[in-house]
């Protein structure tokens, strides 16, 4: 019987409502050079990817000069941090869920496609850092999501097999990464869905061998 021993969270859109922050920060930086992305493309194509990957795609699709990548990436990270310091705050249902999971003996981790500084500040500002056994960023792996590396590394750092981990994800790239790693999945559409009841319900389904259809279990 499968037994889940850890819950590994994506960050943006799962624990932190940061999708709009990344969209606004990137467009603010791109706008200085006459480029930009639509909200539709942000949500459908770019969501969940590292900024450098997004810039590479913009070079191919819109002709953004590659020589600007480093500068735009640096600006985007600065603009993102401005929004994080102003707007990132603790949410009770996330702290409650993580505190209950820890009390029940589950290990917990965050595995994000954001850079390390962003992960550390967002986890600290949201008061979730103290619950995490492992925190990973895109700087901890050679290949970011949709490659499975970060979830395989999370399992290794936790001392577990991938199929002993439940990954909570919200976007196509992260879902693909978790599936490729061999982890179990809980897919959420909003940060409010990342709560204790939903997590425990999914763990119960997995451990009972219940076949789940629909987005939650894929």
C-alpha atoms as a PDB file:
ATOM      1  CA  UNK A   1       0.000   0.000   0.000  1.00  0.00           C
ATOM      2  CA  UNK A   2       1.257   3.468  -0.910  1.00  0.00           C
ATOM      3  CA  UNK A   3       1.931   5.634   2.140  1.00  0.00           C
ATOM      4  CA  UNK A   4       2.431   9.369   1.735  1.00  0.00           C
ATOM      5  CA  UNK A   5       5.183  10.675   4.028  1.00  0.00           C
ATOM      6  CA  UNK A   6       5.710  14.217   2.702  1.00  0.00           C
ATOM      7  CA  UNK A   7       3.850  17.052   1.027  1.00  0.00           C
ATOM      8  CA  UNK A   8       5.846  19.140  -1.459  1.00  0.00           C
ATOM      9  CA  UNK A   9       4.343  22.475  -2.468  1.00  0.00           C
ATOM     10  CA  UNK A  10       4.887  24.564  -5.537  1.00  0.00           C
ATOM     11  CA  UNK A  11       4.979  28.211  -4.402  1.00  0.00           C
ATOM     12  CA  UNK A  12       3.429  30.687  -6.881  1.00  0.00           C
ATOM     13  CA  UNK A  13      -0.296  30.065  -7.202  1.00  0.00           C
ATOM     14  CA  UNK A  14      -0.204  27.329  -4.544  1.00  0.00           C
ATOM     15  CA  UNK A  15       1.078  28.973  -1.342  1.00  0.00           C
ATOM     16  CA  UNK A  16       1.507  32.542  -2.581  1.00  0.00           C
ATOM     17  CA  UNK A  17      -0.931  34.432  -4.826  1.00  0.00           C
ATOM     18  CA  UNK A  18       1.942  35.761  -6.922  1.00  0.00           C
ATOM     19  CA  UNK A  19       0.859  35.177 -10.518  1.00  0.00           C
ATOM     20  CA  UNK A  20      -0.184  38.806 -10.989  1.00  0.00           C
ATOM     21  CA  UNK A  21       3.015  40.021  -9.306  1.00  0.00           C
ATOM     22  CA  UNK A  22       5.202  38.117 -11.768  1.00  0.00           C
ATOM     23  CA  UNK A  23       3.051  39.295 -14.676  1.00  0.00           C
ATOM     24  CA  UNK A  24       3.218  42.948 -13.604  1.00  0.00           C
ATOM     25  CA  UNK A  25       6.934  42.858 -12.796  1.00  0.00           C
ATOM     26  CA  UNK A  26       7.933  41.231 -16.087  1.00  0.00           C
ATOM     27  CA  UNK A  27       5.781  43.553 -18.167  1.00  0.00           C
ATOM     28  CA  UNK A  28       7.151  46.583 -16.297  1.00  0.00           C
ATOM     29  CA  UNK A  29      10.695  45.514 -17.195  1.00  0.00           C
ATOM     30  CA  UNK A  30       9.812  44.548 -20.780  1.00  0.00           C
ATOM     31  CA  UNK A  31       7.888  47.781 -21.284  1.00  0.00           C
ATOM     32  CA  UNK A  32      11.078  49.816 -20.942  1.00  0.00           C
ATOM     33  CA  UNK A  33      12.168  48.298 -24.251  1.00  0.00           C
ATOM     34  CA  UNK A  34       8.811  48.281 -26.050  1.00  0.00           C
ATOM     35  CA  UNK A  35       7.970  44.618 -25.396  1.00  0.00           C
ATOM     36  CA  UNK A  36       5.283  42.908 -23.349  1.00  0.00           C
ATOM     37  CA  UNK A  37       3.094  39.840 -22.916  1.00  0.00           C
ATOM     38  CA  UNK A  38      -0.687  39.613 -22.702  1.00  0.00           C
ATOM     39  CA  UNK A  39      -2.426  38.312 -19.591  1.00  0.00           C
ATOM     40  CA  UNK A  40      -3.763  35.417 -21.696  1.00  0.00           C
ATOM     41  CA  UNK A  41      -0.269  34.386 -22.796  1.00  0.00           C
ATOM     42  CA  UNK A  42       0.995  34.836 -19.241  1.00  0.00           C
ATOM     43  CA  UNK A  43      -1.586  32.420 -17.854  1.00  0.00           C
ATOM     44  CA  UNK A  44      -1.666  29.935 -20.727  1.00  0.00           C
ATOM     45  CA  UNK A  45       1.951  29.811 -21.912  1.00  0.00           C
ATOM     46  CA  UNK A  46       4.383  31.442 -19.490  1.00  0.00           C
ATOM     47  CA  UNK A  47       2.904  30.665 -16.055  1.00  0.00           C
ATOM     48  CA  UNK A  48       5.214  28.522 -13.952  1.00  0.00           C
ATOM     49  CA  UNK A  49       8.331  28.998 -16.066  1.00  0.00           C
ATOM     50  CA  UNK A  50      11.548  30.690 -14.865  1.00  0.00           C
ATOM     51  CA  UNK A  51      12.001  34.285 -16.060  1.00  0.00           C
ATOM     52  CA  UNK A  52      15.053  33.365 -18.139  1.00  0.00           C
ATOM     53  CA  UNK A  53      13.011  30.730 -19.992  1.00  0.00           C
ATOM     54  CA  UNK A  54      10.294  33.313 -20.654  1.00  0.00           C
ATOM     55  CA  UNK A  55      12.861  35.742 -22.073  1.00  0.00           C
ATOM     56  CA  UNK A  56      14.263  33.042 -24.367  1.00  0.00           C
ATOM     57  CA  UNK A  57      10.738  32.393 -25.660  1.00  0.00           C
ATOM     58  CA  UNK A  58      10.175  36.138 -26.198  1.00  0.00           C
ATOM     59  CA  UNK A  59      13.382  36.323 -28.220  1.00  0.00           C
ATOM     60  CA  UNK A  60      12.142  33.541 -30.499  1.00  0.00           C
ATOM     61  CA  UNK A  61       8.562  34.800 -30.725  1.00  0.00           C
ATOM     62  CA  UNK A  62       8.883  38.598 -30.580  1.00  0.00           C
ATOM     63  CA  UNK A  63      12.512  39.301 -31.433  1.00  0.00           C
ATOM     64  CA  UNK A  64      13.539  40.498 -27.980  1.00  0.00           C
ATOM     65  CA  UNK A  65      17.326  41.060 -28.221  1.00  0.00           C
ATOM     66  CA  UNK A  66      19.144  38.326 -26.299  1.00  0.00           C
ATOM     67  CA  UNK A  67      21.693  40.879 -25.085  1.00  0.00           C
ATOM     68  CA  UNK A  68      18.935  42.370 -22.894  1.00  0.00           C
ATOM     69  CA  UNK A  69      18.130  39.140 -21.035  1.00  0.00           C
ATOM     70  CA  UNK A  70      20.429  39.692 -18.046  1.00  0.00           C
ATOM     71  CA  UNK A  71      19.332  43.311 -17.543  1.00  0.00           C
ATOM     72  CA  UNK A  72      15.608  42.596 -17.929  1.00  0.00           C
ATOM     73  CA  UNK A  73      15.873  39.570 -15.641  1.00  0.00           C
ATOM     74  CA  UNK A  74      17.570  41.686 -12.968  1.00  0.00           C
ATOM     75  CA  UNK A  75      14.939  44.426 -13.276  1.00  0.00           C
ATOM     76  CA  UNK A  76      12.117  41.876 -13.152  1.00  0.00           C
ATOM     77  CA  UNK A  77      13.475  40.367  -9.944  1.00  0.00           C
ATOM     78  CA  UNK A  78      13.754  43.844  -8.365  1.00  0.00           C
ATOM     79  CA  UNK A  79      10.191  44.763  -9.362  1.00  0.00           C
ATOM     80  CA  UNK A  80       8.914  41.407  -8.076  1.00  0.00           C
ATOM     81  CA  UNK A  81      10.563  41.966  -4.711  1.00  0.00           C
ATOM     82  CA  UNK A  82       8.953  45.408  -4.436  1.00  0.00           C
ATOM     83  CA  UNK A  83       5.548  43.754  -4.771  1.00  0.00           C
ATOM     84  CA  UNK A  84       6.446  40.915  -2.411  1.00  0.00           C
ATOM     85  CA  UNK A  85       7.548  43.266   0.380  1.00  0.00           C
ATOM     86  CA  UNK A  86       4.395  45.349  -0.087  1.00  0.00           C
ATOM     87  CA  UNK A  87       1.777  42.631  -0.517  1.00  0.00           C
ATOM     88  CA  UNK A  88       2.965  39.198   0.696  1.00  0.00           C
ATOM     89  CA  UNK A  89       1.280  38.384   4.001  1.00  0.00           C
ATOM     90  CA  UNK A  90       0.486  35.266   6.088  1.00  0.00           C
ATOM     91  CA  UNK A  91      -2.724  33.352   5.349  1.00  0.00           C
ATOM     92  CA  UNK A  92      -4.307  31.481   8.251  1.00  0.00           C
ATOM     93  CA  UNK A  93      -5.429  28.419   6.274  1.00  0.00           C
ATOM     94  CA  UNK A  94      -1.890  27.813   4.980  1.00  0.00           C
ATOM     95  CA  UNK A  95      -0.298  28.127   8.413  1.00  0.00           C
ATOM     96  CA  UNK A  96      -3.030  25.893   9.858  1.00  0.00           C
ATOM     97  CA  UNK A  97      -2.531  23.237   7.171  1.00  0.00           C
ATOM     98  CA  UNK A  98       1.240  23.149   7.567  1.00  0.00           C
ATOM     99  CA  UNK A  99       1.084  23.143  11.365  1.00  0.00           C
ATOM    100  CA  UNK A 100      -1.367  20.211  11.322  1.00  0.00           C
ATOM    101  CA  UNK A 101       0.716  18.283   8.794  1.00  0.00           C
ATOM    102  CA  UNK A 102       3.851  18.748  10.896  1.00  0.00           C
ATOM    103  CA  UNK A 103       2.012  17.649  14.038  1.00  0.00           C
ATOM    104  CA  UNK A 104       0.881  14.493  12.209  1.00  0.00           C
ATOM    105  CA  UNK A 105       4.480  13.670  11.282  1.00  0.00           C
ATOM    106  CA  UNK A 106       4.503  14.621   7.601  1.00  0.00           C
ATOM    107  CA  UNK A 107       7.603  16.229   6.148  1.00  0.00           C
ATOM    108  CA  UNK A 108       7.015  19.357   4.089  1.00  0.00           C
ATOM    109  CA  UNK A 109       8.914  21.165   1.348  1.00  0.00           C
ATOM    110  CA  UNK A 110       8.536  23.954  -1.177  1.00  0.00           C
ATOM    111  CA  UNK A 111       9.914  23.453  -4.706  1.00  0.00           C
ATOM    112  CA  UNK A 112       9.611  26.530  -6.901  1.00  0.00           C
ATOM    113  CA  UNK A 113      10.731  27.693 -10.333  1.00  0.00           C
ATOM    114  CA  UNK A 114      11.479  31.101  -8.777  1.00  0.00           C
ATOM    115  CA  UNK A 115      15.006  32.159  -7.819  1.00  0.00           C
ATOM    116  CA  UNK A 116      16.296  31.399  -4.307  1.00  0.00           C
ATOM    117  CA  UNK A 117      16.021  34.963  -2.969  1.00  0.00           C
ATOM    118  CA  UNK A 118      12.360  35.162  -3.989  1.00  0.00           C
ATOM    119  CA  UNK A 119      11.546  31.793  -2.399  1.00  0.00           C
ATOM    120  CA  UNK A 120      13.242  32.724   0.872  1.00  0.00           C
ATOM    121  CA  UNK A 121      11.572  36.155   1.130  1.00  0.00           C
ATOM    122  CA  UNK A 122       8.099  34.897   0.166  1.00  0.00           C
ATOM    123  CA  UNK A 123       8.285  32.023   2.652  1.00  0.00           C
ATOM    124  CA  UNK A 124       9.480  34.371   5.394  1.00  0.00           C
ATOM    125  CA  UNK A 125       6.867  37.072   4.650  1.00  0.00           C
ATOM    126  CA  UNK A 126       4.081  34.473   4.586  1.00  0.00           C
ATOM    127  CA  UNK A 127       5.340  32.975   7.878  1.00  0.00           C
ATOM    128  CA  UNK A 128       5.648  29.527   6.259  1.00  0.00           C
ATOM    129  CA  UNK A 129       9.431  29.164   6.319  1.00  0.00           C
ATOM    130  CA  UNK A 130       9.438  27.688   9.834  1.00  0.00           C
ATOM    131  CA  UNK A 131       7.291  24.742   8.687  1.00  0.00           C
ATOM    132  CA  UNK A 132       9.480  23.719   5.729  1.00  0.00           C
ATOM    133  CA  UNK A 133      12.016  20.899   6.036  1.00  0.00           C
ATOM    134  CA  UNK A 134      13.361  21.678   2.558  1.00  0.00           C
ATOM    135  CA  UNK A 135      13.178  24.796   0.361  1.00  0.00           C
ATOM    136  CA  UNK A 136      14.289  24.533  -3.280  1.00  0.00           C
ATOM    137  CA  UNK A 137      14.510  27.120  -6.056  1.00  0.00           C
ATOM    138  CA  UNK A 138      15.366  26.959  -9.749  1.00  0.00           C
ATOM    139  CA  UNK A 139      18.963  27.664  -8.731  1.00  0.00           C
ATOM    140  CA  UNK A 140      19.176  24.266  -7.025  1.00  0.00           C
ATOM    141  CA  UNK A 141      18.711  22.255 -10.233  1.00  0.00           C
ATOM    142  CA  UNK A 142      20.214  22.254 -13.707  1.00  0.00           C
ATOM    143  CA  UNK A 143      16.851  21.916 -15.413  1.00  0.00           C
ATOM    144  CA  UNK A 144      13.806  23.717 -13.972  1.00  0.00           C
ATOM    145  CA  UNK A 145      10.190  22.571 -14.375  1.00  0.00           C
ATOM    146  CA  UNK A 146       8.746  21.085 -16.596  1.00  0.00           C
ATOM    147  CA  UNK A 147      11.741  18.805 -16.081  1.00  0.00           C
ATOM    148  CA  UNK A 148      11.364  16.525 -13.015  1.00  0.00           C
ATOM    149  CA  UNK A 149      14.707  17.474 -11.406  1.00  0.00           C
ATOM    150  CA  UNK A 150      13.393  19.700  -8.603  1.00  0.00           C
ATOM    151  CA  UNK A 151      10.848  17.138  -7.383  1.00  0.00           C
ATOM    152  CA  UNK A 152      13.400  14.340  -7.538  1.00  0.00           C
ATOM    153  CA  UNK A 153      15.793  16.510  -5.521  1.00  0.00           C
ATOM    154  CA  UNK A 154      13.058  17.332  -2.994  1.00  0.00           C
ATOM    155  CA  UNK A 155      12.397  13.625  -2.439  1.00  0.00           C
ATOM    156  CA  UNK A 156      16.141  12.961  -2.095  1.00  0.00           C
ATOM    157  CA  UNK A 157      16.610  15.785   0.421  1.00  0.00           C
ATOM    158  CA  UNK A 158      13.651  14.450   2.421  1.00  0.00           C
ATOM    159  CA  UNK A 159      15.141  10.952   2.361  1.00  0.00           C
ATOM    160  CA  UNK A 160      12.115   9.512   0.535  1.00  0.00           C
ATOM    161  CA  UNK A 161      11.132   7.864  -2.717  1.00  0.00           C
ATOM    162  CA  UNK A 162       9.236  10.094  -5.143  1.00  0.00           C
ATOM    163  CA  UNK A 163       6.066   8.019  -4.788  1.00  0.00           C
ATOM    164  CA  UNK A 164       6.052   8.724  -1.057  1.00  0.00           C
ATOM    165  CA  UNK A 165       5.553  12.431  -1.822  1.00  0.00           C
ATOM    166  CA  UNK A 166       2.341  14.320  -2.603  1.00  0.00           C
ATOM    167  CA  UNK A 167       3.035  17.349  -4.805  1.00  0.00           C
ATOM    168  CA  UNK A 168       0.606  20.292  -4.763  1.00  0.00           C
ATOM    169  CA  UNK A 169       0.722  22.077  -8.119  1.00  0.00           C
ATOM    170  CA  UNK A 170      -1.321  24.595 -10.094  1.00  0.00           C
ATOM    171  CA  UNK A 171       0.123  24.824 -13.611  1.00  0.00           C
ATOM    172  CA  UNK A 172       0.874  22.621 -16.585  1.00  0.00           C
ATOM    173  CA  UNK A 173       4.659  22.849 -16.333  1.00  0.00           C
ATOM    174  CA  UNK A 174       4.694  21.885 -12.657  1.00  0.00           C
ATOM    175  CA  UNK A 175       2.187  19.092 -13.166  1.00  0.00           C
ATOM    176  CA  UNK A 176       4.353  17.622 -15.919  1.00  0.00           C
ATOM    177  CA  UNK A 177       7.430  17.849 -13.670  1.00  0.00           C
ATOM    178  CA  UNK A 178       5.706  16.077 -10.771  1.00  0.00           C
ATOM    179  CA  UNK A 179       4.324  13.324 -13.010  1.00  0.00           C
ATOM    180  CA  UNK A 180       7.704  12.799 -14.670  1.00  0.00           C
ATOM    181  CA  UNK A 181       9.303  12.489 -11.223  1.00  0.00           C
ATOM    182  CA  UNK A 182       6.793   9.812 -10.192  1.00  0.00           C
ATOM    183  CA  UNK A 183       5.165  11.840  -7.404  1.00  0.00           C
ATOM    184  CA  UNK A 184       1.469  11.831  -6.518  1.00  0.00           C
ATOM    185  CA  UNK A 185      -0.480  14.988  -7.340  1.00  0.00           C
ATOM    186  CA  UNK A 186      -3.020  17.354  -5.894  1.00  0.00           C
ATOM    187  CA  UNK A 187      -3.846  20.034  -8.466  1.00  0.00           C
ATOM    188  CA  UNK A 188      -5.305  23.314  -7.233  1.00  0.00           C
ATOM    189  CA  UNK A 189      -6.685  26.273  -9.167  1.00  0.00           C
ATOM    190  CA  UNK A 190      -6.522  28.856  -6.372  1.00  0.00           C
ATOM    191  CA  UNK A 191      -4.344  29.301  -3.282  1.00  0.00           C
ATOM    192  CA  UNK A 192      -7.483  28.866  -1.141  1.00  0.00           C
ATOM    193  CA  UNK A 193      -7.689  25.253  -2.370  1.00  0.00           C
ATOM    194  CA  UNK A 194      -4.335  24.558  -0.725  1.00  0.00           C
ATOM    195  CA  UNK A 195      -5.865  23.709   2.627  1.00  0.00           C
ATOM    196  CA  UNK A 196      -5.708  20.925   5.220  1.00  0.00           C
ATOM    197  CA  UNK A 197      -9.008  19.298   4.224  1.00  0.00           C
ATOM    198  CA  UNK A 198      -8.102  19.013   0.532  1.00  0.00           C
ATOM    199  CA  UNK A 199      -4.616  17.709   1.271  1.00  0.00           C
ATOM    200  CA  UNK A 200      -5.814  15.042   3.688  1.00  0.00           C
ATOM    201  CA  UNK A 201      -8.646  14.024   1.347  1.00  0.00           C
ATOM    202  CA  UNK A 202      -6.156  13.479  -1.483  1.00  0.00           C
ATOM    203  CA  UNK A 203      -3.794  11.526   0.788  1.00  0.00           C
ATOM    204  CA  UNK A 204      -6.694   9.290   1.854  1.00  0.00           C
ATOM    205  CA  UNK A 205      -7.595   8.650  -1.799  1.00  0.00           C
ATOM    206  CA  UNK A 206      -4.024   7.718  -2.680  1.00  0.00           C
ATOM    207  CA  UNK A 207      -3.494   5.459   0.326  1.00  0.00           C
ATOM    208  CA  UNK A 208      -6.826   3.677  -0.195  1.00  0.00           C
ATOM    209  CA  UNK A 209      -6.109   3.127  -3.863  1.00  0.00           C
ATOM    210  CA  UNK A 210      -9.203   5.069  -4.880  1.00  0.00           C
ATOM    211  CA  UNK A 211      -9.219   5.944  -8.569  1.00  0.00           C
ATOM    212  CA  UNK A 212      -9.730   9.697  -8.886  1.00  0.00           C
ATOM    213  CA  UNK A 213     -10.833  11.343 -12.108  1.00  0.00           C
ATOM    214  CA  UNK A 214     -10.747  15.057 -12.807  1.00  0.00           C
ATOM    215  CA  UNK A 215      -8.187  17.719 -12.215  1.00  0.00           C
ATOM    216  CA  UNK A 216      -7.482  17.040  -8.518  1.00  0.00           C
ATOM    217  CA  UNK A 217      -5.819  13.729  -9.088  1.00  0.00           C
ATOM    218  CA  UNK A 218      -5.279  13.647 -12.838  1.00  0.00           C
END
